[in-house]
Amino acid sequence: MKRRILMSYRYQEDVVKPIAKFLGISPEELTEILIRRLDMAGLEALHPRMMQANRECLEKRIELELNLCTLSDFLSLLSSEEKEKIREEIGRMIDEGRSYKEIIEEGKKMILKILRGERR
């Protein structure tokens, strides 16, 4: 039963192949590892968790590239409210399916508007 779940197209494309590629192992080897290490409940929850993890990791990468932590927490150039507003906008753009590059460019524009006092 576990193997059948892991061999489904969605699990292969969204979970098994990306993790196997990252670890530098074959999808078959990763499948065996997952079968050994996860019970049925964990296995069934694996796909939604992976989708959530992908989104959260993408949000964090964007925040790092935009230097939101530095600009807000260390340099105090952005208030925590402004930082949160930018983060919410990033989430909205991700939901819209915009490209990483486009989100970064829009994020930079938002930061500059705030720093220039054009938007509060």
PDB file of N, CA and C in Angstrom:
ATOM      1  N   MET A   1       0.827  -1.197   0.000  1.00  0.00           N
ATOM      2  CA  MET A   1       0.000   0.000   0.000  1.00  0.00           C
ATOM      3  C   MET A   1       0.875   1.266   0.000  1.00  0.00           C
ATOM      4  N   LYS A   2       1.911   1.277   0.850  1.00  0.00           N
ATOM      5  CA  LYS A   2       2.800   2.439   0.905  1.00  0.00           C
ATOM      6  C   LYS A   2       3.467   2.665  -0.450  1.00  0.00           C
ATOM      7  N   ARG A   3       3.933   1.571  -1.038  1.00  0.00           N
ATOM      8  CA  ARG A   3       4.620   1.671  -2.330  1.00  0.00           C
ATOM      9  C   ARG A   3       3.679   2.238  -3.396  1.00  0.00           C
ATOM     10  N   ARG A   4       2.430   1.810  -3.374  1.00  0.00           N
ATOM     11  CA  ARG A   4       1.460   2.287  -4.367  1.00  0.00           C
ATOM     12  C   ARG A   4       1.262   3.802  -4.237  1.00  0.00           C
ATOM     13  N   ILE A   5       1.181   4.290  -3.000  1.00  0.00           N
ATOM     14  CA  ILE A   5       1.040   5.734  -2.780  1.00  0.00           C
ATOM     15  C   ILE A   5       2.262   6.468  -3.326  1.00  0.00           C
ATOM     16  N   LEU A   6       3.441   5.976  -2.971  1.00  0.00           N
ATOM     17  CA  LEU A   6       4.678   6.640  -3.395  1.00  0.00           C
ATOM     18  C   LEU A   6       4.908   6.569  -4.903  1.00  0.00           C
ATOM     19  N   MET A   7       4.350   5.574  -5.552  1.00  0.00           N
ATOM     20  CA  MET A   7       4.541   5.427  -6.994  1.00  0.00           C
ATOM     21  C   MET A   7       3.525   6.236  -7.800  1.00  0.00           C
ATOM     22  N   SER A   8       2.556   6.851  -7.125  1.00  0.00           N
ATOM     23  CA  SER A   8       1.582   7.666  -7.855  1.00  0.00           C
ATOM     24  C   SER A   8       2.302   8.849  -8.504  1.00  0.00           C
ATOM     25  N   TYR A   9       1.733   9.327  -9.582  1.00  0.00           N
ATOM     26  CA  TYR A   9       2.360  10.400 -10.358  1.00  0.00           C
ATOM     27  C   TYR A   9       2.645  11.629  -9.504  1.00  0.00           C
ATOM     28  N   ARG A  10       1.658  12.075  -8.726  1.00  0.00           N
ATOM     29  CA  ARG A  10       1.826  13.295  -7.925  1.00  0.00           C
ATOM     30  C   ARG A  10       2.943  13.131  -6.906  1.00  0.00           C
ATOM     31  N   TYR A  11       2.973  12.015  -6.208  1.00  0.00           N
ATOM     32  CA  TYR A  11       4.029  11.806  -5.222  1.00  0.00           C
ATOM     33  C   TYR A  11       5.389  11.752  -5.901  1.00  0.00           C
ATOM     34  N   GLN A  12       5.471  11.085  -7.041  1.00  0.00           N
ATOM     35  CA  GLN A  12       6.742  10.992  -7.750  1.00  0.00           C
ATOM     36  C   GLN A  12       7.236  12.376  -8.177  1.00  0.00           C
ATOM     37  N   GLU A  13       6.362  13.152  -8.787  1.00  0.00           N
ATOM     38  CA  GLU A  13       6.764  14.457  -9.320  1.00  0.00           C
ATOM     39  C   GLU A  13       6.986  15.515  -8.241  1.00  0.00           C
ATOM     40  N   ASP A  14       6.167  15.500  -7.203  1.00  0.00           N
ATOM     41  CA  ASP A  14       6.207  16.572  -6.202  1.00  0.00           C
ATOM     42  C   ASP A  14       7.063  16.252  -4.984  1.00  0.00           C
ATOM     43  N   VAL A  15       7.282  14.974  -4.712  1.00  0.00           N
ATOM     44  CA  VAL A  15       7.991  14.604  -3.487  1.00  0.00           C
ATOM     45  C   VAL A  15       9.233  13.771  -3.782  1.00  0.00           C
ATOM     46  N   VAL A  16       9.032  12.597  -4.359  1.00  0.00           N
ATOM     47  CA  VAL A  16      10.121  11.621  -4.484  1.00  0.00           C
ATOM     48  C   VAL A  16      11.254  12.132  -5.369  1.00  0.00           C
ATOM     49  N   LYS A  17      10.951  12.544  -6.582  1.00  0.00           N
ATOM     50  CA  LYS A  17      12.022  12.963  -7.497  1.00  0.00           C
ATOM     51  C   LYS A  17      12.791  14.186  -7.000  1.00  0.00           C
ATOM     52  N   PRO A  18      12.113  15.241  -6.510  1.00  0.00           N
ATOM     53  CA  PRO A  18      12.892  16.395  -6.025  1.00  0.00           C
ATOM     54  C   PRO A  18      13.793  16.070  -4.831  1.00  0.00           C
ATOM     55  N   ILE A  19      13.282  15.282  -3.886  1.00  0.00           N
ATOM     56  CA  ILE A  19      14.101  14.948  -2.713  1.00  0.00           C
ATOM     57  C   ILE A  19      15.244  14.028  -3.115  1.00  0.00           C
ATOM     58  N   ALA A  20      14.962  13.043  -3.969  1.00  0.00           N
ATOM     59  CA  ALA A  20      16.010  12.128  -4.427  1.00  0.00           C
ATOM     60  C   ALA A  20      17.108  12.894  -5.159  1.00  0.00           C
ATOM     61  N   LYS A  21      16.708  13.821  -6.010  1.00  0.00           N
ATOM     62  CA  LYS A  21      17.694  14.627  -6.742  1.00  0.00           C
ATOM     63  C   LYS A  21      18.550  15.433  -5.776  1.00  0.00           C
ATOM     64  N   PHE A  22      17.910  16.065  -4.784  1.00  0.00           N
ATOM     65  CA  PHE A  22      18.642  16.849  -3.794  1.00  0.00           C
ATOM     66  C   PHE A  22      19.650  15.983  -3.038  1.00  0.00           C
ATOM     67  N   LEU A  23      19.227  14.782  -2.655  1.00  0.00           N
ATOM     68  CA  LEU A  23      20.093  13.888  -1.884  1.00  0.00           C
ATOM     69  C   LEU A  23      21.111  13.152  -2.756  1.00  0.00           C
ATOM     70  N   GLY A  24      20.929  13.212  -4.069  1.00  0.00           N
ATOM     71  CA  GLY A  24      21.846  12.533  -4.977  1.00  0.00           C
ATOM     72  C   GLY A  24      21.666  11.027  -4.991  1.00  0.00           C
ATOM     73  N   ILE A  25      20.435  10.576  -4.787  1.00  0.00           N
ATOM     74  CA  ILE A  25      20.141   9.146  -4.809  1.00  0.00           C
ATOM     75  C   ILE A  25      19.027   8.889  -5.822  1.00  0.00           C
ATOM     76  N   SER A  26      18.813   7.628  -6.120  1.00  0.00           N
ATOM     77  CA  SER A  26      17.757   7.287  -7.077  1.00  0.00           C
ATOM     78  C   SER A  26      16.389   7.415  -6.416  1.00  0.00           C
ATOM     79  N   PRO A  27      15.361   7.672  -7.213  1.00  0.00           N
ATOM     80  CA  PRO A  27      14.003   7.696  -6.661  1.00  0.00           C
ATOM     81  C   PRO A  27      13.621   6.368  -6.001  1.00  0.00           C
ATOM     82  N   GLU A  28      14.126   5.273  -6.546  1.00  0.00           N
ATOM     83  CA  GLU A  28      13.834   3.956  -5.976  1.00  0.00           C
ATOM     84  C   GLU A  28      14.405   3.834  -4.563  1.00  0.00           C
ATOM     85  N   GLU A  29      15.643   4.308  -4.381  1.00  0.00           N
ATOM     86  CA  GLU A  29      16.250   4.242  -3.049  1.00  0.00           C
ATOM     87  C   GLU A  29      15.486   5.120  -2.064  1.00  0.00           C
ATOM     88  N   LEU A  30      15.096   6.313  -2.496  1.00  0.00           N
ATOM     89  CA  LEU A  30      14.329   7.181  -1.606  1.00  0.00           C
ATOM     90  C   LEU A  30      12.985   6.547  -1.266  1.00  0.00           C
ATOM     91  N   THR A  31      12.351   5.913  -2.236  1.00  0.00           N
ATOM     92  CA  THR A  31      11.080   5.230  -1.978  1.00  0.00           C
ATOM     93  C   THR A  31      11.255   4.200  -0.872  1.00  0.00           C
ATOM     94  N   GLU A  32      12.312   3.414  -0.937  1.00  0.00           N
ATOM     95  CA  GLU A  32      12.575   2.399   0.099  1.00  0.00           C
ATOM     96  C   GLU A  32      12.804   3.058   1.463  1.00  0.00           C
ATOM     97  N   ILE A  33      13.517   4.160   1.482  1.00  0.00           N
ATOM     98  CA  ILE A  33      13.761   4.885   2.736  1.00  0.00           C
ATOM     99  C   ILE A  33      12.445   5.378   3.325  1.00  0.00           C
ATOM    100  N   LEU A  34      11.603   5.971   2.496  1.00  0.00           N
ATOM    101  CA  LEU A  34      10.320   6.492   2.979  1.00  0.00           C
ATOM    102  C   LEU A  34       9.419   5.374   3.488  1.00  0.00           C
ATOM    103  N   ILE A  35       9.415   4.246   2.802  1.00  0.00           N
ATOM    104  CA  ILE A  35       8.608   3.105   3.250  1.00  0.00           C
ATOM    105  C   ILE A  35       9.072   2.645   4.626  1.00  0.00           C
ATOM    106  N   ARG A  36      10.378   2.587   4.817  1.00  0.00           N
ATOM    107  CA  ARG A  36      10.935   2.148   6.109  1.00  0.00           C
ATOM    108  C   ARG A  36      10.686   3.150   7.226  1.00  0.00           C
ATOM    109  N   ARG A  37      10.784   4.430   6.935  1.00  0.00           N
ATOM    110  CA  ARG A  37      10.790   5.437   7.995  1.00  0.00           C
ATOM    111  C   ARG A  37       9.427   6.027   8.339  1.00  0.00           C
ATOM    112  N   LEU A  38       8.443   5.897   7.445  1.00  0.00           N
ATOM    113  CA  LEU A  38       7.146   6.529   7.682  1.00  0.00           C
ATOM    114  C   LEU A  38       6.039   5.498   7.846  1.00  0.00           C
ATOM    115  N   ASP A  39       5.129   5.781   8.782  1.00  0.00           N
ATOM    116  CA  ASP A  39       3.926   4.958   8.872  1.00  0.00           C
ATOM    117  C   ASP A  39       2.923   5.483   7.845  1.00  0.00           C
ATOM    118  N   MET A  40       1.759   4.855   7.742  1.00  0.00           N
ATOM    119  CA  MET A  40       0.773   5.253   6.730  1.00  0.00           C
ATOM    120  C   MET A  40       0.311   6.697   6.911  1.00  0.00           C
ATOM    121  N   ALA A  41       0.082   7.103   8.150  1.00  0.00           N
ATOM    122  CA  ALA A  41      -0.379   8.473   8.394  1.00  0.00           C
ATOM    123  C   ALA A  41       0.679   9.483   7.935  1.00  0.00           C
ATOM    124  N   GLY A  42       1.928   9.213   8.270  1.00  0.00           N
ATOM    125  CA  GLY A  42       3.011  10.098   7.857  1.00  0.00           C
ATOM    126  C   GLY A  42       3.176  10.129   6.353  1.00  0.00           C
ATOM    127  N   LEU A  43       3.002   8.979   5.742  1.00  0.00           N
ATOM    128  CA  LEU A  43       3.124   8.883   4.297  1.00  0.00           C
ATOM    129  C   LEU A  43       2.007   9.645   3.589  1.00  0.00           C
ATOM    130  N   GLU A  44       0.790   9.510   4.087  1.00  0.00           N
ATOM    131  CA  GLU A  44      -0.342  10.211   3.482  1.00  0.00           C
ATOM    132  C   GLU A  44      -0.236  11.724   3.660  1.00  0.00           C
ATOM    133  N   ALA A  45       0.411  12.156   4.724  1.00  0.00           N
ATOM    134  CA  ALA A  45       0.574  13.591   4.985  1.00  0.00           C
ATOM    135  C   ALA A  45       1.801  14.174   4.283  1.00  0.00           C
ATOM    136  N   LEU A  46       2.608  13.318   3.692  1.00  0.00           N
ATOM    137  CA  LEU A  46       3.866  13.750   3.088  1.00  0.00           C
ATOM    138  C   LEU A  46       3.664  14.758   1.952  1.00  0.00           C
ATOM    139  N   HIS A  47       2.743  14.505   1.062  1.00  0.00           N
ATOM    140  CA  HIS A  47       2.536  15.393  -0.087  1.00  0.00           C
ATOM    141  C   HIS A  47       2.078  16.784   0.342  1.00  0.00           C
ATOM    142  N   PRO A  48       1.018  16.904   1.177  1.00  0.00           N
ATOM    143  CA  PRO A  48       0.623  18.263   1.586  1.00  0.00           C
ATOM    144  C   PRO A  48       1.715  18.983   2.374  1.00  0.00           C
ATOM    145  N   ARG A  49       2.456  18.234   3.174  1.00  0.00           N
ATOM    146  CA  ARG A  49       3.561  18.859   3.924  1.00  0.00           C
ATOM    147  C   ARG A  49       4.631  19.375   2.979  1.00  0.00           C
ATOM    148  N   MET A  50       4.920  18.612   1.948  1.00  0.00           N
ATOM    149  CA  MET A  50       5.933  19.023   0.978  1.00  0.00           C
ATOM    150  C   MET A  50       5.488  20.291   0.256  1.00  0.00           C
ATOM    151  N   MET A  51       4.217  20.368  -0.100  1.00  0.00           N
ATOM    152  CA  MET A  51       3.703  21.561  -0.784  1.00  0.00           C
ATOM    153  C   MET A  51       3.801  22.782   0.135  1.00  0.00           C
ATOM    154  N   GLN A  52       3.460  22.605   1.400  1.00  0.00           N
ATOM    155  CA  GLN A  52       3.559  23.703   2.368  1.00  0.00           C
ATOM    156  C   GLN A  52       5.019  24.102   2.583  1.00  0.00           C
ATOM    157  N   ALA A  53       5.891  23.113   2.676  1.00  0.00           N
ATOM    158  CA  ALA A  53       7.316  23.393   2.873  1.00  0.00           C
ATOM    159  C   ALA A  53       7.885  24.159   1.686  1.00  0.00           C
ATOM    160  N   ASN A  54       7.501  23.774   0.481  1.00  0.00           N
ATOM    161  CA  ASN A  54       7.985  24.477  -0.715  1.00  0.00           C
ATOM    162  C   ASN A  54       7.602  25.946  -0.674  1.00  0.00           C
ATOM    163  N   ARG A  55       6.364  26.220  -0.300  1.00  0.00           N
ATOM    164  CA  ARG A  55       5.903  27.606  -0.242  1.00  0.00           C
ATOM    165  C   ARG A  55       6.657  28.384   0.835  1.00  0.00           C
ATOM    166  N   GLU A  56       6.767  27.802   2.032  1.00  0.00           N
ATOM    167  CA  GLU A  56       7.452  28.501   3.120  1.00  0.00           C
ATOM    168  C   GLU A  56       8.915  28.741   2.792  1.00  0.00           C
ATOM    169  N   CYS A  57       9.563  27.767   2.182  1.00  0.00           N
ATOM    170  CA  CYS A  57      10.969  27.946   1.808  1.00  0.00           C
ATOM    171  C   CYS A  57      11.118  29.028   0.743  1.00  0.00           C
ATOM    172  N   LEU A  58      10.187  29.068  -0.199  1.00  0.00           N
ATOM    173  CA  LEU A  58      10.212  30.112  -1.223  1.00  0.00           C
ATOM    174  C   LEU A  58      10.049  31.486  -0.583  1.00  0.00           C
ATOM    175  N   GLU A  59       9.108  31.618   0.345  1.00  0.00           N
ATOM    176  CA  GLU A  59       8.917  32.896   1.036  1.00  0.00           C
ATOM    177  C   GLU A  59      10.187  33.309   1.770  1.00  0.00           C
ATOM    178  N   LYS A  60      10.841  32.367   2.437  1.00  0.00           N
ATOM    179  CA  LYS A  60      12.072  32.680   3.175  1.00  0.00           C
ATOM    180  C   LYS A  60      13.198  33.086   2.233  1.00  0.00           C
ATOM    181  N   ARG A  61      13.331  32.382   1.090  1.00  0.00           N
ATOM    182  CA  ARG A  61      14.371  32.754   0.117  1.00  0.00           C
ATOM    183  C   ARG A  61      14.151  34.172  -0.396  1.00  0.00           C
ATOM    184  N   ILE A  62      12.896  34.506  -0.657  1.00  0.00           N
ATOM    185  CA  ILE A  62      12.580  35.852  -1.148  1.00  0.00           C
ATOM    186  C   ILE A  62      12.887  36.888  -0.075  1.00  0.00           C
ATOM    187  N   GLU A  63      12.497  36.607   1.170  1.00  0.00           N
ATOM    188  CA  GLU A  63      12.800  37.533   2.269  1.00  0.00           C
ATOM    189  C   GLU A  63      14.301  37.741   2.405  1.00  0.00           C
ATOM    190  N   LEU A  64      15.076  36.664   2.289  1.00  0.00           N
ATOM    191  CA  LEU A  64      16.533  36.780   2.383  1.00  0.00           C
ATOM    192  C   LEU A  64      17.095  37.605   1.230  1.00  0.00           C
ATOM    193  N   GLU A  65      16.617  37.340   0.030  1.00  0.00           N
ATOM    194  CA  GLU A  65      17.133  38.079  -1.121  1.00  0.00           C
ATOM    195  C   GLU A  65      16.778  39.559  -1.051  1.00  0.00           C
ATOM    196  N   LEU A  66      15.630  39.867  -0.472  1.00  0.00           N
ATOM    197  CA  LEU A  66      15.230  41.272  -0.317  1.00  0.00           C
ATOM    198  C   LEU A  66      15.856  41.923   0.918  1.00  0.00           C
ATOM    199  N   ASN A  67      16.590  41.158   1.697  1.00  0.00           N
ATOM    200  CA  ASN A  67      17.246  41.654   2.916  1.00  0.00           C
ATOM    201  C   ASN A  67      16.264  42.273   3.906  1.00  0.00           C
ATOM    202  N   LEU A  68      15.062  41.722   3.999  1.00  0.00           N
ATOM    203  CA  LEU A  68      14.060  42.283   4.910  1.00  0.00           C
ATOM    204  C   LEU A  68      14.528  42.242   6.359  1.00  0.00           C
ATOM    205  N   CYS A  69      15.200  41.166   6.741  1.00  0.00           N
ATOM    206  CA  CYS A  69      15.695  41.058   8.114  1.00  0.00           C
ATOM    207  C   CYS A  69      16.683  42.183   8.415  1.00  0.00           C
ATOM    208  N   THR A  70      17.627  42.395   7.520  1.00  0.00           N
ATOM    209  CA  THR A  70      18.636  43.440   7.715  1.00  0.00           C
ATOM    210  C   THR A  70      18.000  44.822   7.743  1.00  0.00           C
ATOM    211  N   LEU A  71      17.145  45.091   6.767  1.00  0.00           N
ATOM    212  CA  LEU A  71      16.529  46.415   6.663  1.00  0.00           C
ATOM    213  C   LEU A  71      15.603  46.726   7.828  1.00  0.00           C
ATOM    214  N   SER A  72      14.956  45.713   8.363  1.00  0.00           N
ATOM    215  CA  SER A  72      13.988  45.928   9.436  1.00  0.00           C
ATOM    216  C   SER A  72      14.604  45.708  10.814  1.00  0.00           C
ATOM    217  N   ASP A  73      15.096  44.510  11.043  1.00  0.00           N
ATOM    218  CA  ASP A  73      15.516  44.129  12.392  1.00  0.00           C
ATOM    219  C   ASP A  73      16.842  44.742  12.830  1.00  0.00           C
ATOM    220  N   PHE A  74      17.763  44.970  11.896  1.00  0.00           N
ATOM    221  CA  PHE A  74      19.084  45.460  12.284  1.00  0.00           C
ATOM    222  C   PHE A  74      19.300  46.938  11.974  1.00  0.00           C
ATOM    223  N   LEU A  75      18.860  47.384  10.809  1.00  0.00           N
ATOM    224  CA  LEU A  75      19.073  48.783  10.435  1.00  0.00           C
ATOM    225  C   LEU A  75      17.893  49.679  10.784  1.00  0.00           C
ATOM    226  N   SER A  76      16.773  49.083  11.116  1.00  0.00           N
ATOM    227  CA  SER A  76      15.541  49.813  11.469  1.00  0.00           C
ATOM    228  C   SER A  76      15.102  50.796  10.382  1.00  0.00           C
ATOM    229  N   LEU A  77      15.372  50.453   9.136  1.00  0.00           N
ATOM    230  CA  LEU A  77      14.917  51.287   8.029  1.00  0.00           C
ATOM    231  C   LEU A  77      13.464  50.997   7.673  1.00  0.00           C
ATOM    232  N   LEU A  78      13.012  49.803   8.006  1.00  0.00           N
ATOM    233  CA  LEU A  78      11.612  49.414   7.824  1.00  0.00           C
ATOM    234  C   LEU A  78      11.043  49.060   9.186  1.00  0.00           C
ATOM    235  N   SER A  79       9.832  49.497   9.449  1.00  0.00           N
ATOM    236  CA  SER A  79       9.175  49.102  10.699  1.00  0.00           C
ATOM    237  C   SER A  79       8.720  47.651  10.569  1.00  0.00           C
ATOM    238  N   SER A  80       8.405  47.041  11.691  1.00  0.00           N
ATOM    239  CA  SER A  80       7.919  45.661  11.639  1.00  0.00           C
ATOM    240  C   SER A  80       6.599  45.583  10.872  1.00  0.00           C
ATOM    241  N   GLU A  81       5.792  46.641  10.959  1.00  0.00           N
ATOM    242  CA  GLU A  81       4.531  46.676  10.209  1.00  0.00           C
ATOM    243  C   GLU A  81       4.793  46.749   8.702  1.00  0.00           C
ATOM    244  N   GLU A  82       5.769  47.565   8.312  1.00  0.00           N
ATOM    245  CA  GLU A  82       6.108  47.669   6.889  1.00  0.00           C
ATOM    246  C   GLU A  82       6.674  46.349   6.375  1.00  0.00           C
ATOM    247  N   LYS A  83       7.514  45.732   7.184  1.00  0.00           N
ATOM    248  CA  LYS A  83       8.079  44.431   6.822  1.00  0.00           C
ATOM    249  C   LYS A  83       6.963  43.404   6.644  1.00  0.00           C
ATOM    250  N   GLU A  84       6.015  43.392   7.564  1.00  0.00           N
ATOM    251  CA  GLU A  84       4.906  42.436   7.487  1.00  0.00           C
ATOM    252  C   GLU A  84       4.043  42.702   6.255  1.00  0.00           C
ATOM    253  N   LYS A  85       3.842  43.960   5.924  1.00  0.00           N
ATOM    254  CA  LYS A  85       3.059  44.315   4.734  1.00  0.00           C
ATOM    255  C   LYS A  85       3.745  43.790   3.470  1.00  0.00           C
ATOM    256  N   ILE A  86       5.055  43.916   3.417  1.00  0.00           N
ATOM    257  CA  ILE A  86       5.818  43.401   2.276  1.00  0.00           C
ATOM    258  C   ILE A  86       5.703  41.882   2.226  1.00  0.00           C
ATOM    259  N   ARG A  87       5.818  41.230   3.367  1.00  0.00           N
ATOM    260  CA  ARG A  87       5.699  39.765   3.428  1.00  0.00           C
ATOM    261  C   ARG A  87       4.323  39.304   2.953  1.00  0.00           C
ATOM    262  N   GLU A  88       3.279  40.021   3.341  1.00  0.00           N
ATOM    263  CA  GLU A  88       1.926  39.675   2.893  1.00  0.00           C
ATOM    264  C   GLU A  88       1.797  39.825   1.384  1.00  0.00           C
ATOM    265  N   GLU A  89       2.387  40.880   0.857  1.00  0.00           N
ATOM    266  CA  GLU A  89       2.346  41.104  -0.592  1.00  0.00           C
ATOM    267  C   GLU A  89       3.113  40.001  -1.326  1.00  0.00           C
ATOM    268  N   ILE A  90       4.233  39.572  -0.758  1.00  0.00           N
ATOM    269  CA  ILE A  90       4.997  38.467  -1.336  1.00  0.00           C
ATOM    270  C   ILE A  90       4.128  37.212  -1.384  1.00  0.00           C
ATOM    271  N   GLY A  91       3.435  36.924  -0.290  1.00  0.00           N
ATOM    272  CA  GLY A  91       2.541  35.765  -0.245  1.00  0.00           C
ATOM    273  C   GLY A  91       1.460  35.838  -1.303  1.00  0.00           C
ATOM    274  N   ARG A  92       0.906  37.020  -1.496  1.00  0.00           N
ATOM    275  CA  ARG A  92      -0.125  37.207  -2.514  1.00  0.00           C
ATOM    276  C   ARG A  92       0.436  36.939  -3.906  1.00  0.00           C
ATOM    277  N   MET A  93       1.638  37.448  -4.169  1.00  0.00           N
ATOM    278  CA  MET A  93       2.249  37.248  -5.482  1.00  0.00           C
ATOM    279  C   MET A  93       2.565  35.775  -5.729  1.00  0.00           C
ATOM    280  N   ILE A  94       2.987  35.067  -4.682  1.00  0.00           N
ATOM    281  CA  ILE A  94       3.230  33.625  -4.814  1.00  0.00           C
ATOM    282  C   ILE A  94       1.929  32.917  -5.157  1.00  0.00           C
ATOM    283  N   ASP A  95       0.854  33.282  -4.463  1.00  0.00           N
ATOM    284  CA  ASP A  95      -0.458  32.678  -4.730  1.00  0.00           C
ATOM    285  C   ASP A  95      -0.910  32.928  -6.165  1.00  0.00           C
ATOM    286  N   GLU A  96      -0.534  34.076  -6.714  1.00  0.00           N
ATOM    287  CA  GLU A  96      -0.897  34.416  -8.098  1.00  0.00           C
ATOM    288  C   GLU A  96      -0.047  33.660  -9.112  1.00  0.00           C
ATOM    289  N   GLY A  97       1.000  33.004  -8.629  1.00  0.00           N
ATOM    290  CA  GLY A  97       1.855  32.229  -9.524  1.00  0.00           C
ATOM    291  C   GLY A  97       2.909  33.041 -10.250  1.00  0.00           C
ATOM    292  N   ARG A  98       3.228  34.205  -9.721  1.00  0.00           N
ATOM    293  CA  ARG A  98       4.251  35.036 -10.363  1.00  0.00           C
ATOM    294  C   ARG A  98       5.621  34.375 -10.247  1.00  0.00           C
ATOM    295  N   SER A  99       6.509  34.734 -11.147  1.00  0.00           N
ATOM    296  CA  SER A  99       7.850  34.156 -11.151  1.00  0.00           C
ATOM    297  C   SER A  99       8.681  34.729 -10.001  1.00  0.00           C
ATOM    298  N   TYR A 100       9.694  33.967  -9.621  1.00  0.00           N
ATOM    299  CA  TYR A 100      10.602  34.380  -8.554  1.00  0.00           C
ATOM    300  C   TYR A 100      11.218  35.738  -8.888  1.00  0.00           C
ATOM    301  N   LYS A 101      11.703  35.875 -10.111  1.00  0.00           N
ATOM    302  CA  LYS A 101      12.359  37.115 -10.539  1.00  0.00           C
ATOM    303  C   LYS A 101      11.400  38.302 -10.446  1.00  0.00           C
ATOM    304  N   GLU A 102      10.174  38.095 -10.882  1.00  0.00           N
ATOM    305  CA  GLU A 102       9.175  39.166 -10.842  1.00  0.00           C
ATOM    306  C   GLU A 102       8.860  39.568  -9.398  1.00  0.00           C
ATOM    307  N   ILE A 103       8.761  38.582  -8.519  1.00  0.00           N
ATOM    308  CA  ILE A 103       8.478  38.874  -7.108  1.00  0.00           C
ATOM    309  C   ILE A 103       9.619  39.678  -6.493  1.00  0.00           C
ATOM    310  N   ILE A 104      10.851  39.308  -6.808  1.00  0.00           N
ATOM    311  CA  ILE A 104      12.017  40.039  -6.287  1.00  0.00           C
ATOM    312  C   ILE A 104      11.990  41.486  -6.782  1.00  0.00           C
ATOM    313  N   GLU A 105      11.744  41.683  -8.062  1.00  0.00           N
ATOM    314  CA  GLU A 105      11.705  43.042  -8.617  1.00  0.00           C
ATOM    315  C   GLU A 105      10.595  43.871  -7.979  1.00  0.00           C
ATOM    316  N   GLU A 106       9.412  43.291  -7.834  1.00  0.00           N
ATOM    317  CA  GLU A 106       8.298  44.007  -7.198  1.00  0.00           C
ATOM    318  C   GLU A 106       8.614  44.305  -5.734  1.00  0.00           C
ATOM    319  N   GLY A 107       9.249  43.351  -5.053  1.00  0.00           N
ATOM    320  CA  GLY A 107       9.625  43.558  -3.655  1.00  0.00           C
ATOM    321  C   GLY A 107      10.601  44.714  -3.499  1.00  0.00           C
ATOM    322  N   LYS A 108      11.578  44.789  -4.390  1.00  0.00           N
ATOM    323  CA  LYS A 108      12.544  45.895  -4.351  1.00  0.00           C
ATOM    324  C   LYS A 108      11.847  47.235  -4.561  1.00  0.00           C
ATOM    325  N   LYS A 109      10.911  47.258  -5.505  1.00  0.00           N
ATOM    326  CA  LYS A 109      10.161  48.493  -5.759  1.00  0.00           C
ATOM    327  C   LYS A 109       9.362  48.908  -4.528  1.00  0.00           C
ATOM    328  N   MET A 110       8.740  47.938  -3.865  1.00  0.00           N
ATOM    329  CA  MET A 110       7.961  48.242  -2.657  1.00  0.00           C
ATOM    330  C   MET A 110       8.864  48.806  -1.566  1.00  0.00           C
ATOM    331  N   ILE A 111      10.034  48.199  -1.387  1.00  0.00           N
ATOM    332  CA  ILE A 111      10.973  48.670  -0.368  1.00  0.00           C
ATOM    333  C   ILE A 111      11.407  50.101  -0.670  1.00  0.00           C
ATOM    334  N   LEU A 112      11.766  50.365  -1.919  1.00  0.00           N
ATOM    335  CA  LEU A 112      12.195  51.717  -2.295  1.00  0.00           C
ATOM    336  C   LEU A 112      11.095  52.748  -2.082  1.00  0.00           C
ATOM    337  N   LYS A 113       9.861  52.413  -2.410  1.00  0.00           N
ATOM    338  CA  LYS A 113       8.751  53.344  -2.189  1.00  0.00           C
ATOM    339  C   LYS A 113       8.624  53.682  -0.709  1.00  0.00           C
ATOM    340  N   ILE A 114       8.747  52.674   0.128  1.00  0.00           N
ATOM    341  CA  ILE A 114       8.650  52.909   1.574  1.00  0.00           C
ATOM    342  C   ILE A 114       9.818  53.762   2.046  1.00  0.00           C
ATOM    343  N   LEU A 115      11.038  53.425   1.621  1.00  0.00           N
ATOM    344  CA  LEU A 115      12.221  54.167   2.060  1.00  0.00           C
ATOM    345  C   LEU A 115      12.199  55.614   1.573  1.00  0.00           C
ATOM    346  N   ARG A 116      11.639  55.836   0.404  1.00  0.00           N
ATOM    347  CA  ARG A 116      11.543  57.196  -0.141  1.00  0.00           C
ATOM    348  C   ARG A 116      10.361  57.967   0.428  1.00  0.00           C
ATOM    349  N   GLY A 117       9.536  57.295   1.202  1.00  0.00           N
ATOM    350  CA  GLY A 117       8.380  57.949   1.798  1.00  0.00           C
ATOM    351  C   GLY A 117       7.196  58.070   0.868  1.00  0.00           C
ATOM    352  N   GLU A 118       7.222  57.336  -0.221  1.00  0.00           N
ATOM    353  CA  GLU A 118       6.138  57.400  -1.199  1.00  0.00           C
ATOM    354  C   GLU A 118       4.942  56.556  -0.788  1.00  0.00           C
ATOM    355  N   ARG A 119       5.163  55.643   0.137  1.00  0.00           N
ATOM    356  CA  ARG A 119       4.089  54.734   0.552  1.00  0.00           C
ATOM    357  C   ARG A 119       4.315  54.354   1.998  1.00  0.00           C
ATOM    358  N   ARG A 120       3.314  54.479   2.783  1.00  0.00           N
ATOM    359  CA  ARG A 120       3.420  54.123   4.207  1.00  0.00           C
ATOM    360  C   ARG A 120       2.400  53.119   4.578  1.00  0.00           C
TER     361      ARG A 120
END
